[in-house]
Amino acid sequence: MILLGVLGGQEILLIAVVVLILFGGKKIPELMRGIGKGVKEYNKAVNDIKDQFNDIQEDINDMGQKDSTAKDKPEENKE
């Protein structure tokens, strides 16, 4: 959303007028609905990737803790 910081009020109004002319009043709600669904799917995918990353990170941390506890225990000599 860095682009919105660059656009002023006049530019946004001009874009809205151009979209209205190109798509017409009846197509705009359908267009916005499609954009909303796309953003929702994108956010879901991002959250899924974050969850997978966190799961992997937890597994790695658990493995590290198991290794450190195994090193602390003395080895038994089996003869």
Protein backbone atom coordinates (compact mmCIF):
# COMPACT_ATOMS: atom_id res chain seq x y z
CA MET A 1 0.00 0.00 0.00
CA ILE A 2 2.98 2.29 -0.44
CA LEU A 3 1.43 3.52 -3.67
CA LEU A 4 -1.52 5.06 -1.83
CA GLY A 5 0.86 7.30 0.09
CA VAL A 6 2.03 8.76 -3.21
CA LEU A 7 -1.46 9.37 -4.61
CA GLY A 8 -3.33 12.49 -3.58
CA GLY A 9 -7.05 13.09 -3.39
CA GLN A 10 -7.28 14.38 -6.96
CA GLU A 11 -5.49 11.37 -8.39
CA ILE A 12 -7.75 8.93 -6.53
CA LEU A 13 -10.83 10.81 -7.74
CA LEU A 14 -9.54 10.72 -11.32
CA ILE A 15 -8.93 6.95 -11.09
CA ALA A 16 -12.43 6.44 -9.64
CA VAL A 17 -13.99 8.42 -12.51
CA VAL A 18 -12.02 6.45 -15.12
CA VAL A 19 -13.08 3.14 -13.53
CA LEU A 20 -16.70 4.32 -13.49
CA ILE A 21 -16.53 5.27 -17.18
CA LEU A 22 -14.80 2.03 -18.22
CA PHE A 23 -16.84 -0.46 -16.23
CA GLY A 24 -20.14 1.34 -15.67
CA GLY A 25 -22.11 1.59 -12.45
CA LYS A 26 -23.49 -1.96 -12.63
CA LYS A 27 -20.13 -3.70 -12.99
CA ILE A 28 -18.32 -1.91 -10.16
CA PRO A 29 -19.92 -3.91 -7.27
CA GLU A 30 -19.10 -7.14 -9.09
CA LEU A 31 -15.54 -5.94 -9.67
CA MET A 32 -15.12 -4.95 -6.01
CA ARG A 33 -16.55 -8.30 -4.87
CA GLY A 34 -13.99 -10.10 -7.02
CA ILE A 35 -11.16 -7.96 -5.65
CA GLY A 36 -12.39 -8.61 -2.09
CA LYS A 37 -12.42 -12.38 -2.66
CA GLY A 38 -8.93 -12.21 -4.13
CA VAL A 39 -7.60 -10.27 -1.15
CA LYS A 40 -9.29 -12.71 1.24
CA GLU A 41 -7.70 -15.71 -0.49
CA TYR A 42 -4.31 -13.97 -0.51
CA ASN A 43 -4.50 -13.26 3.23
CA LYS A 44 -5.55 -16.86 3.91
CA ALA A 45 -2.57 -18.15 1.94
CA VAL A 46 -0.21 -15.81 3.80
CA ASN A 47 -1.57 -16.96 7.16
CA ASP A 48 -1.24 -20.63 6.12
CA ILE A 49 2.40 -20.08 5.18
CA LYS A 50 3.05 -18.29 8.48
CA ASP A 51 1.45 -21.18 10.39
CA GLN A 52 3.57 -23.73 8.54
CA PHE A 53 6.71 -21.69 9.22
CA ASN A 54 5.85 -21.45 12.92
CA ASP A 55 5.20 -25.21 13.10
CA ILE A 56 8.58 -25.94 11.52
CA GLN A 57 10.27 -23.47 13.85
CA GLU A 58 8.65 -25.14 16.88
CA ASP A 59 9.78 -28.56 15.64
CA ILE A 60 13.33 -27.30 15.26
CA ASN A 61 13.24 -25.79 18.76
CA ASP A 62 11.88 -29.05 20.19
CA MET A 63 14.66 -31.01 18.48
CA GLY A 64 17.24 -28.61 19.92
CA GLN A 65 15.86 -29.04 23.41
CA LYS A 66 15.91 -32.83 23.08
CA ASP A 67 19.52 -32.72 21.89
CA SER A 68 20.58 -30.54 24.81
CA THR A 69 18.87 -32.79 27.36
CA ALA A 70 20.43 -35.86 25.77
CA LYS A 71 23.89 -34.30 26.10
CA ASP A 72 23.27 -33.52 29.77
CA LYS A 73 22.50 -37.16 30.62
CA PRO A 74 25.52 -39.43 31.12
CA GLU A 75 25.72 -42.32 28.73
CA GLU A 76 25.29 -45.78 30.19
CA ASN A 77 27.93 -48.30 29.31
CA LYS A 78 26.31 -51.46 28.04
CA GLU A 79 28.72 -54.33 28.16
